[in-house]
PDB file of all heavy atoms in Angstrom:
ATOM      1  N   VAL A   1      20.861 167.934 174.359  1.00  0.00           N
ATOM      2  CA  VAL A   1      21.691 168.474 175.420  1.00  0.00           C
ATOM      3  C   VAL A   1      21.166 168.021 176.800  1.00  0.00           C
ATOM      4  O   VAL A   1      21.950 167.614 177.688  1.00  0.00           O
ATOM      5  CB  VAL A   1      21.746 170.005 175.356  1.00  0.00           C
ATOM      6  CG1 VAL A   1      22.396 170.613 176.585  1.00  0.00           C
ATOM      7  CG2 VAL A   1      22.475 170.457 174.084  1.00  0.00           C
ATOM      8  N   VAL A   2      19.873 168.010 176.986  1.00  0.00           N
ATOM      9  CA  VAL A   2      19.268 167.545 178.245  1.00  0.00           C
ATOM     10  C   VAL A   2      19.616 166.103 178.467  1.00  0.00           C
ATOM     11  O   VAL A   2      19.976 165.702 179.573  1.00  0.00           O
ATOM     12  CB  VAL A   2      17.763 167.794 178.259  1.00  0.00           C
ATOM     13  CG1 VAL A   2      17.099 167.119 179.420  1.00  0.00           C
ATOM     14  CG2 VAL A   2      17.465 169.303 178.321  1.00  0.00           C
ATOM     15  N   MET A   3      19.488 165.301 177.442  1.00  0.00           N
ATOM     16  CA  MET A   3      19.820 163.855 177.579  1.00  0.00           C
ATOM     17  C   MET A   3      21.296 163.690 177.892  1.00  0.00           C
ATOM     18  O   MET A   3      21.666 162.842 178.707  1.00  0.00           O
ATOM     19  CB  MET A   3      19.472 163.121 176.256  1.00  0.00           C
ATOM     20  CG  MET A   3      17.989 162.954 176.054  1.00  0.00           C
ATOM     21  SD  MET A   3      17.221 161.960 177.342  1.00  0.00           S
ATOM     22  CE  MET A   3      17.961 160.400 177.031  1.00  0.00           C
ATOM     23  N   LEU A   4      22.184 164.478 177.264  1.00  0.00           N
ATOM     24  CA  LEU A   4      23.615 164.363 177.510  1.00  0.00           C
ATOM     25  C   LEU A   4      23.919 164.709 178.960  1.00  0.00           C
ATOM     26  O   LEU A   4      24.695 164.038 179.643  1.00  0.00           O
ATOM     27  CB  LEU A   4      24.365 165.308 176.573  1.00  0.00           C
ATOM     28  CG  LEU A   4      25.890 165.306 176.736  1.00  0.00           C
ATOM     29  CD1 LEU A   4      26.472 163.935 176.369  1.00  0.00           C
ATOM     30  CD2 LEU A   4      26.502 166.360 175.840  1.00  0.00           C
ATOM     31  N   VAL A   5      23.308 165.775 179.491  1.00  0.00           N
ATOM     32  CA  VAL A   5      23.548 166.183 180.881  1.00  0.00           C
ATOM     33  C   VAL A   5      23.021 165.102 181.829  1.00  0.00           C
ATOM     34  O   VAL A   5      23.664 164.776 182.839  1.00  0.00           O
ATOM     35  CB  VAL A   5      22.900 167.573 181.150  1.00  0.00           C
ATOM     36  CG1 VAL A   5      22.879 167.873 182.643  1.00  0.00           C
ATOM     37  CG2 VAL A   5      23.627 168.627 180.383  1.00  0.00           C
ATOM     38  N   ALA A   6      21.846 164.530 181.529  1.00  0.00           N
ATOM     39  CA  ALA A   6      21.261 163.489 182.406  1.00  0.00           C
ATOM     40  C   ALA A   6      22.134 162.255 182.406  1.00  0.00           C
ATOM     41  O   ALA A   6      22.396 161.669 183.461  1.00  0.00           O
ATOM     42  CB  ALA A   6      19.865 163.177 181.910  1.00  0.00           C
ATOM     43  N   VAL A   7      22.630 161.882 181.233  1.00  0.00           N
ATOM     44  CA  VAL A   7      23.534 160.715 181.167  1.00  0.00           C
ATOM     45  C   VAL A   7      24.861 160.967 181.900  1.00  0.00           C
ATOM     46  O   VAL A   7      25.349 160.103 182.643  1.00  0.00           O
ATOM     47  CB  VAL A   7      23.776 160.326 179.701  1.00  0.00           C
ATOM     48  CG1 VAL A   7      24.916 159.296 179.562  1.00  0.00           C
ATOM     49  CG2 VAL A   7      22.496 159.780 179.061  1.00  0.00           C
ATOM     50  N   ALA A   8      25.376 162.190 181.751  1.00  0.00           N
ATOM     51  CA  ALA A   8      26.633 162.533 182.470  1.00  0.00           C
ATOM     52  C   ALA A   8      26.409 162.499 183.972  1.00  0.00           C
ATOM     53  O   ALA A   8      27.258 161.975 184.728  1.00  0.00           O
ATOM     54  CB  ALA A   8      27.128 163.906 182.038  1.00  0.00           C
ATOM     55  N   GLY A   9      25.275 162.995 184.445  1.00  0.00           N
ATOM     56  CA  GLY A   9      24.956 162.955 185.882  1.00  0.00           C
ATOM     57  C   GLY A   9      24.801 161.536 186.389  1.00  0.00           C
ATOM     58  O   GLY A   9      25.293 161.200 187.468  1.00  0.00           O
ATOM     59  N   ALA A  10      24.111 160.719 185.607  1.00  0.00           N
ATOM     60  CA  ALA A  10      23.930 159.300 186.012  1.00  0.00           C
ATOM     61  C   ALA A  10      25.253 158.566 186.063  1.00  0.00           C
ATOM     62  O   ALA A  10      25.528 157.750 186.969  1.00  0.00           O
ATOM     63  CB  ALA A  10      22.955 158.591 185.063  1.00  0.00           C
ATOM     64  N   MET A  11      26.124 158.820 185.073  1.00  0.00           N
ATOM     65  CA  MET A  11      27.464 158.196 185.073  1.00  0.00           C
ATOM     66  C   MET A  11      28.300 158.639 186.243  1.00  0.00           C
ATOM     67  O   MET A  11      29.020 157.846 186.866  1.00  0.00           O
ATOM     68  CB  MET A  11      28.152 158.461 183.735  1.00  0.00           C
ATOM     69  CG  MET A  11      27.574 157.724 182.588  1.00  0.00           C
ATOM     70  SD  MET A  11      28.332 158.117 181.001  1.00  0.00           S
ATOM     71  CE  MET A  11      29.975 157.562 181.242  1.00  0.00           C
ATOM     72  N   LEU A  12      28.205 159.927 186.613  1.00  0.00           N
ATOM     73  CA  LEU A  12      28.944 160.435 187.766  1.00  0.00           C
ATOM     74  C   LEU A  12      28.465 159.786 189.041  1.00  0.00           C
ATOM     75  O   LEU A  12      29.275 159.361 189.905  1.00  0.00           O
ATOM     76  CB  LEU A  12      28.773 161.961 187.859  1.00  0.00           C
ATOM     77  CG  LEU A  12      29.414 162.629 189.089  1.00  0.00           C
ATOM     78  CD1 LEU A  12      30.914 162.533 189.009  1.00  0.00           C
ATOM     79  CD2 LEU A  12      28.948 164.037 189.189  1.00  0.00           C
ATOM     80  N   LEU A  13      27.144 159.661 189.182  1.00  0.00           N
ATOM     81  CA  LEU A  13      26.579 159.006 190.371  1.00  0.00           C
ATOM     82  C   LEU A  13      27.039 157.554 190.444  1.00  0.00           C
ATOM     83  O   LEU A  13      27.428 157.048 191.499  1.00  0.00           O
ATOM     84  CB  LEU A  13      25.071 159.148 190.365  1.00  0.00           C
ATOM     85  CG  LEU A  13      24.337 158.556 191.559  1.00  0.00           C
ATOM     86  CD1 LEU A  13      24.783 159.247 192.870  1.00  0.00           C
ATOM     87  CD2 LEU A  13      22.828 158.660 191.383  1.00  0.00           C
ATOM     88  N   TRP A  14      26.954 156.869 189.328  1.00  0.00           N
ATOM     89  CA  TRP A  14      27.351 155.462 189.276  1.00  0.00           C
ATOM     90  C   TRP A  14      28.814 155.326 189.650  1.00  0.00           C
ATOM     91  O   TRP A  14      29.221 154.428 190.401  1.00  0.00           O
ATOM     92  CB  TRP A  14      27.105 154.863 187.892  1.00  0.00           C
ATOM     93  CG  TRP A  14      27.635 153.473 187.730  1.00  0.00           C
ATOM     94  CD1 TRP A  14      27.034 152.321 188.167  1.00  0.00           C
ATOM     95  CD2 TRP A  14      28.888 153.123 187.154  1.00  0.00           C
ATOM     96  NE1 TRP A  14      27.860 151.258 187.895  1.00  0.00           N
ATOM     97  CE2 TRP A  14      29.002 151.726 187.249  1.00  0.00           C
ATOM     98  CE3 TRP A  14      29.903 153.847 186.566  1.00  0.00           C
ATOM     99  CZ2 TRP A  14      30.103 151.033 186.778  1.00  0.00           C
ATOM    100  CZ3 TRP A  14      30.985 153.163 186.071  1.00  0.00           C
ATOM    101  CH2 TRP A  14      31.086 151.763 186.150  1.00  0.00           C
ATOM    102  N   TRP A  15      29.658 156.216 189.122  1.00  0.00           N
ATOM    103  CA  TRP A  15      31.112 156.158 189.402  1.00  0.00           C
ATOM    104  C   TRP A  15      31.407 156.398 190.868  1.00  0.00           C
ATOM    105  O   TRP A  15      32.235 155.722 191.460  1.00  0.00           O
ATOM    106  CB  TRP A  15      31.823 157.160 188.500  1.00  0.00           C
ATOM    107  CG  TRP A  15      33.317 157.146 188.688  1.00  0.00           C
ATOM    108  CD1 TRP A  15      34.181 156.172 188.255  1.00  0.00           C
ATOM    109  CD2 TRP A  15      34.107 158.110 189.342  1.00  0.00           C
ATOM    110  NE1 TRP A  15      35.458 156.495 188.619  1.00  0.00           N
ATOM    111  CE2 TRP A  15      35.427 157.676 189.278  1.00  0.00           C
ATOM    112  CE3 TRP A  15      33.821 159.312 189.986  1.00  0.00           C
ATOM    113  CZ2 TRP A  15      36.478 158.414 189.817  1.00  0.00           C
ATOM    114  CZ3 TRP A  15      34.853 160.027 190.507  1.00  0.00           C
ATOM    115  CH2 TRP A  15      36.171 159.586 190.451  1.00  0.00           C
ATOM    116  N   CYS A  16      30.676 157.365 191.464  1.00  0.00           N
ATOM    117  CA  CYS A  16      30.866 157.683 192.889  1.00  0.00           C
ATOM    118  C   CYS A  16      30.482 156.480 193.737  1.00  0.00           C
ATOM    119  O   CYS A  16      31.180 156.131 194.679  1.00  0.00           O
ATOM    120  CB  CYS A  16      30.073 158.895 193.278  1.00  0.00           C
ATOM    121  SG  CYS A  16      30.767 160.460 192.677  1.00  0.00           S
ATOM    122  N   VAL A  17      29.369 155.875 193.427  1.00  0.00           N
ATOM    123  CA  VAL A  17      28.880 154.698 194.222  1.00  0.00           C
ATOM    124  C   VAL A  17      29.813 153.518 194.017  1.00  0.00           C
ATOM    125  O   VAL A  17      30.186 152.811 194.960  1.00  0.00           O
ATOM    126  CB  VAL A  17      27.431 154.356 193.854  1.00  0.00           C
ATOM    127  CG1 VAL A  17      27.005 153.046 194.499  1.00  0.00           C
ATOM    128  CG2 VAL A  17      26.494 155.495 194.300  1.00  0.00           C
ATOM    129  N   ALA A  18      30.235 153.286 192.767  1.00  0.00           N
ATOM    130  CA  ALA A  18      31.090 152.135 192.469  1.00  0.00           C
ATOM    131  C   ALA A  18      32.466 152.288 193.081  1.00  0.00           C
ATOM    132  O   ALA A  18      33.131 151.308 193.437  1.00  0.00           O
ATOM    133  CB  ALA A  18      31.221 151.962 190.949  1.00  0.00           C
ATOM    134  N   SER A  19      32.935 153.515 193.217  1.00  0.00           N
ATOM    135  CA  SER A  19      34.281 153.758 193.814  1.00  0.00           C
ATOM    136  C   SER A  19      34.251 153.716 195.322  1.00  0.00           C
ATOM    137  O   SER A  19      35.307 153.816 195.972  1.00  0.00           O
ATOM    138  CB  SER A  19      34.832 155.095 193.337  1.00  0.00           C
ATOM    139  OG  SER A  19      34.975 155.098 191.949  1.00  0.00           O
ATOM    140  N   GLY A  20      33.072 153.687 195.917  1.00  0.00           N
ATOM    141  CA  GLY A  20      32.957 153.633 197.384  1.00  0.00           C
ATOM    142  C   GLY A  20      33.085 154.939 198.092  1.00  0.00           C
ATOM    143  O   GLY A  20      33.428 155.036 199.260  1.00  0.00           O
ATOM    144  N   TYR A  21      32.775 156.043 197.356  1.00  0.00           N
ATOM    145  CA  TYR A  21      32.851 157.343 198.004  1.00  0.00           C
ATOM    146  C   TYR A  21      31.726 157.497 199.006  1.00  0.00           C
ATOM    147  O   TYR A  21      30.622 156.957 198.842  1.00  0.00           O
ATOM    148  CB  TYR A  21      32.748 158.503 196.972  1.00  0.00           C
ATOM    149  CG  TYR A  21      33.970 158.670 196.140  1.00  0.00           C
ATOM    150  CD1 TYR A  21      33.918 158.820 194.756  1.00  0.00           C
ATOM    151  CD2 TYR A  21      35.260 158.721 196.714  1.00  0.00           C
ATOM    152  CE1 TYR A  21      35.041 158.990 193.989  1.00  0.00           C
ATOM    153  CE2 TYR A  21      36.395 158.891 195.972  1.00  0.00           C
ATOM    154  CZ  TYR A  21      36.282 159.048 194.591  1.00  0.00           C
ATOM    155  OH  TYR A  21      37.410 159.220 193.848  1.00  0.00           O
ATOM    156  N   SER A  22      31.963 158.272 200.048  1.00  0.00           N
ATOM    157  CA  SER A  22      30.952 158.540 201.040  1.00  0.00           C
ATOM    158  C   SER A  22      29.953 159.558 200.493  1.00  0.00           C
ATOM    159  O   SER A  22      30.174 160.161 199.420  1.00  0.00           O
ATOM    160  CB  SER A  22      31.585 159.084 202.324  1.00  0.00           C
ATOM    161  OG  SER A  22      32.105 160.380 202.094  1.00  0.00           O
ATOM    162  N   ILE A  23      28.873 159.778 201.211  1.00  0.00           N
ATOM    163  CA  ILE A  23      27.864 160.731 200.788  1.00  0.00           C
ATOM    164  C   ILE A  23      28.435 162.134 200.685  1.00  0.00           C
ATOM    165  O   ILE A  23      28.117 162.885 199.730  1.00  0.00           O
ATOM    166  CB  ILE A  23      26.671 160.725 201.786  1.00  0.00           C
ATOM    167  CG1 ILE A  23      25.932 159.382 201.757  1.00  0.00           C
ATOM    168  CG2 ILE A  23      25.685 161.836 201.504  1.00  0.00           C
ATOM    169  CD1 ILE A  23      25.271 159.089 200.436  1.00  0.00           C
ATOM    170  N   ASP A  24      29.338 162.536 201.611  1.00  0.00           N
ATOM    171  CA  ASP A  24      29.970 163.846 201.541  1.00  0.00           C
ATOM    172  C   ASP A  24      30.827 164.021 200.304  1.00  0.00           C
ATOM    173  O   ASP A  24      30.822 165.044 199.640  1.00  0.00           O
ATOM    174  CB  ASP A  24      30.816 164.118 202.808  1.00  0.00           C
ATOM    175  CG  ASP A  24      29.954 164.282 204.078  1.00  0.00           C
ATOM    176  OD1 ASP A  24      28.777 164.703 203.943  1.00  0.00           O
ATOM    177  OD2 ASP A  24      30.494 164.009 205.171  1.00  0.00           O
ATOM    178  N   GLU A  25      31.598 162.987 199.976  1.00  0.00           N
ATOM    179  CA  GLU A  25      32.435 163.027 198.794  1.00  0.00           C
ATOM    180  C   GLU A  25      31.596 163.046 197.505  1.00  0.00           C
ATOM    181  O   GLU A  25      31.924 163.720 196.547  1.00  0.00           O
ATOM    182  CB  GLU A  25      33.403 161.828 198.785  1.00  0.00           C
ATOM    183  CG  GLU A  25      34.473 161.894 199.880  1.00  0.00           C
ATOM    184  CD  GLU A  25      35.244 160.629 200.006  1.00  0.00           C
ATOM    185  OE1 GLU A  25      34.703 159.550 199.674  1.00  0.00           O
ATOM    186  OE2 GLU A  25      36.396 160.690 200.416  1.00  0.00           O
ATOM    187  N   GLN A  26      30.487 162.344 197.528  1.00  0.00           N
ATOM    188  CA  GLN A  26      29.566 162.357 196.392  1.00  0.00           C
ATOM    189  C   GLN A  26      28.941 163.744 196.216  1.00  0.00           C
ATOM    190  O   GLN A  26      28.790 164.247 195.083  1.00  0.00           O
ATOM    191  CB  GLN A  26      28.453 161.317 196.575  1.00  0.00           C
ATOM    192  CG  GLN A  26      28.950 159.873 196.470  1.00  0.00           C
ATOM    193  CD  GLN A  26      27.835 158.861 196.682  1.00  0.00           C
ATOM    194  OE1 GLN A  26      26.672 159.174 196.455  1.00  0.00           O
ATOM    195  NE2 GLN A  26      28.194 157.670 197.118  1.00  0.00           N
ATOM    196  N   ALA A  27      28.602 164.385 197.329  1.00  0.00           N
ATOM    197  CA  ALA A  27      28.019 165.714 197.243  1.00  0.00           C
ATOM    198  C   ALA A  27      29.020 166.740 196.713  1.00  0.00           C
ATOM    199  O   ALA A  27      28.658 167.589 195.899  1.00  0.00           O
ATOM    200  CB  ALA A  27      27.507 166.144 198.661  1.00  0.00           C
ATOM    201  N   LYS A  28      30.279 166.597 197.124  1.00  0.00           N
ATOM    202  CA  LYS A  28      31.349 167.514 196.598  1.00  0.00           C
ATOM    203  C   LYS A  28      31.518 167.284 195.102  1.00  0.00           C
ATOM    204  O   LYS A  28      31.654 168.251 194.338  1.00  0.00           O
ATOM    205  CB  LYS A  28      32.658 167.259 197.349  1.00  0.00           C
ATOM    206  CG  LYS A  28      32.650 167.823 198.739  1.00  0.00           C
ATOM    207  CD  LYS A  28      33.977 167.530 199.423  1.00  0.00           C
ATOM    208  CE  LYS A  28      33.985 167.953 200.882  1.00  0.00           C
ATOM    209  NZ  LYS A  28      35.226 167.645 201.551  1.00  0.00           N
ATOM    210  N   ALA A  29      31.563 166.016 194.676  1.00  0.00           N
ATOM    211  CA  ALA A  29      31.726 165.733 193.239  1.00  0.00           C
ATOM    212  C   ALA A  29      30.553 166.256 192.439  1.00  0.00           C
ATOM    213  O   ALA A  29      30.744 166.812 191.368  1.00  0.00           O
ATOM    214  CB  ALA A  29      31.917 164.235 193.036  1.00  0.00           C
ATOM    215  N   ALA A  30      29.355 166.103 192.978  1.00  0.00           N
ATOM    216  CA  ALA A  30      28.161 166.598 192.236  1.00  0.00           C
ATOM    217  C   ALA A  30      28.202 168.139 192.186  1.00  0.00           C
ATOM    218  O   ALA A  30      27.829 168.732 191.154  1.00  0.00           O
ATOM    219  CB  ALA A  30      26.905 166.131 192.930  1.00  0.00           C
ATOM    220  N   ALA A  31      28.649 168.815 193.230  1.00  0.00           N
ATOM    221  CA  ALA A  31      28.700 170.286 193.262  1.00  0.00           C
ATOM    222  C   ALA A  31      29.750 170.767 192.257  1.00  0.00           C
ATOM    223  O   ALA A  31      29.515 171.762 191.544  1.00  0.00           O
ATOM    224  CB  ALA A  31      29.006 170.788 194.644  1.00  0.00           C
ATOM    225  N   ILE A  32      30.892 170.102 192.207  1.00  0.00           N
ATOM    226  CA  ILE A  32      31.927 170.493 191.239  1.00  0.00           C
ATOM    227  C   ILE A  32      31.450 170.296 189.824  1.00  0.00           C
ATOM    228  O   ILE A  32      31.648 171.138 188.922  1.00  0.00           O
ATOM    229  CB  ILE A  32      33.231 169.716 191.516  1.00  0.00           C
ATOM    230  CG1 ILE A  32      33.863 170.167 192.844  1.00  0.00           C
ATOM    231  CG2 ILE A  32      34.210 169.884 190.377  1.00  0.00           C
ATOM    232  CD1 ILE A  32      35.007 169.315 193.299  1.00  0.00           C
ATOM    233  N   THR A  33      30.768 169.160 189.591  1.00  0.00           N
ATOM    234  CA  THR A  33      30.234 168.913 188.246  1.00  0.00           C
ATOM    235  C   THR A  33      29.172 169.933 187.872  1.00  0.00           C
ATOM    236  O   THR A  33      29.153 170.430 186.737  1.00  0.00           O
ATOM    237  CB  THR A  33      29.644 167.503 188.188  1.00  0.00           C
ATOM    238  OG1 THR A  33      30.628 166.539 188.581  1.00  0.00           O
ATOM    239  CG2 THR A  33      29.112 167.163 186.819  1.00  0.00           C
ATOM    240  N   LYS A  34      28.284 170.286 188.828  1.00  0.00           N
ATOM    241  CA  LYS A  34      27.267 171.288 188.545  1.00  0.00           C
ATOM    242  C   LYS A  34      27.901 172.653 188.212  1.00  0.00           C
ATOM    243  O   LYS A  34      27.499 173.324 187.269  1.00  0.00           O
ATOM    244  CB  LYS A  34      26.377 171.449 189.767  1.00  0.00           C
ATOM    245  CG  LYS A  34      25.262 172.508 189.582  1.00  0.00           C
ATOM    246  CD  LYS A  34      24.531 172.803 190.843  1.00  0.00           C
ATOM    247  CE  LYS A  34      25.396 173.509 191.849  1.00  0.00           C
ATOM    248  NZ  LYS A  34      25.455 174.965 191.834  1.00  0.00           N
ATOM    249  N   ASP A  35      28.926 173.020 188.962  1.00  0.00           N
ATOM    250  CA  ASP A  35      29.612 174.302 188.694  1.00  0.00           C
ATOM    251  C   ASP A  35      30.308 174.292 187.317  1.00  0.00           C
ATOM    252  O   ASP A  35      30.246 175.274 186.595  1.00  0.00           O
ATOM    253  CB  ASP A  35      30.619 174.603 189.794  1.00  0.00           C
ATOM    254  CG  ASP A  35      29.988 174.877 191.143  1.00  0.00           C
ATOM    255  OD1 ASP A  35      28.758 175.181 191.166  1.00  0.00           O
ATOM    256  OD2 ASP A  35      30.673 174.805 192.169  1.00  0.00           O
ATOM    257  N   ALA A  36      30.929 173.182 186.971  1.00  0.00           N
ATOM    258  CA  ALA A  36      31.585 173.074 185.697  1.00  0.00           C
ATOM    259  C   ALA A  36      30.570 173.160 184.524  1.00  0.00           C
ATOM    260  O   ALA A  36      30.794 173.864 183.548  1.00  0.00           O
ATOM    261  CB  ALA A  36      32.388 171.779 185.596  1.00  0.00           C
ATOM    262  N   LEU A  37      29.438 172.438 184.696  1.00  0.00           N
ATOM    263  CA  LEU A  37      28.397 172.503 183.675  1.00  0.00           C
ATOM    264  C   LEU A  37      27.775 173.910 183.542  1.00  0.00           C
ATOM    265  O   LEU A  37      27.451 174.330 182.471  1.00  0.00           O
ATOM    266  CB  LEU A  37      27.325 171.476 183.946  1.00  0.00           C
ATOM    267  CG  LEU A  37      27.710 170.009 183.677  1.00  0.00           C
ATOM    268  CD1 LEU A  37      26.592 169.070 184.147  1.00  0.00           C
ATOM    269  CD2 LEU A  37      28.027 169.775 182.226  1.00  0.00           C
ATOM    270  N   THR A  38      27.669 174.601 184.679  1.00  0.00           N
ATOM    271  CA  THR A  38      27.155 176.000 184.636  1.00  0.00           C
ATOM    272  C   THR A  38      28.099 176.898 183.847  1.00  0.00           C
ATOM    273  O   THR A  38      27.648 177.708 183.034  1.00  0.00           O
ATOM    274  CB  THR A  38      26.967 176.518 186.059  1.00  0.00           C
ATOM    275  OG1 THR A  38      26.049 175.653 186.771  1.00  0.00           O
ATOM    276  CG2 THR A  38      26.411 177.933 186.059  1.00  0.00           C
ATOM    277  N   ILE A  39      29.389 176.746 184.099  1.00  0.00           N
ATOM    278  CA  ILE A  39      30.362 177.567 183.366  1.00  0.00           C
ATOM    279  C   ILE A  39      30.302 177.267 181.877  1.00  0.00           C
ATOM    280  O   ILE A  39      30.333 178.145 181.019  1.00  0.00           O
ATOM    281  CB  ILE A  39      31.787 177.338 183.938  1.00  0.00           C
ATOM    282  CG1 ILE A  39      31.866 177.943 185.338  1.00  0.00           C
ATOM    283  CG2 ILE A  39      32.852 177.941 183.048  1.00  0.00           C
ATOM    284  CD1 ILE A  39      33.135 177.554 186.111  1.00  0.00           C
ATOM    285  N   VAL A  40      30.242 175.979 181.508  1.00  0.00           N
ATOM    286  CA  VAL A  40      30.190 175.611 180.091  1.00  0.00           C
ATOM    287  C   VAL A  40      28.906 176.140 179.465  1.00  0.00           C
ATOM    288  O   VAL A  40      28.937 176.656 178.344  1.00  0.00           O
ATOM    289  CB  VAL A  40      30.264 174.065 179.961  1.00  0.00           C
ATOM    290  CG1 VAL A  40      29.896 173.613 178.565  1.00  0.00           C
ATOM    291  CG2 VAL A  40      31.644 173.548 180.339  1.00  0.00           C
ATOM    292  N   ALA A  41      27.788 176.068 180.169  1.00  0.00           N
ATOM    293  CA  ALA A  41      26.520 176.582 179.640  1.00  0.00           C
ATOM    294  C   ALA A  41      26.581 178.091 179.430  1.00  0.00           C
ATOM    295  O   ALA A  41      26.091 178.609 178.410  1.00  0.00           O
ATOM    296  CB  ALA A  41      25.382 176.224 180.598  1.00  0.00           C
TER     297      ALA A  41
END
């Protein structure tokens, strides 16, 4: 599970950087992902 969460986080970061999102947009995406993972957990 820890490896799955780490891989999901790395893929999200890669996708945000590859899509050209700004730091603020990346922070929002990371916060939404964190909240979704908290609910699932």
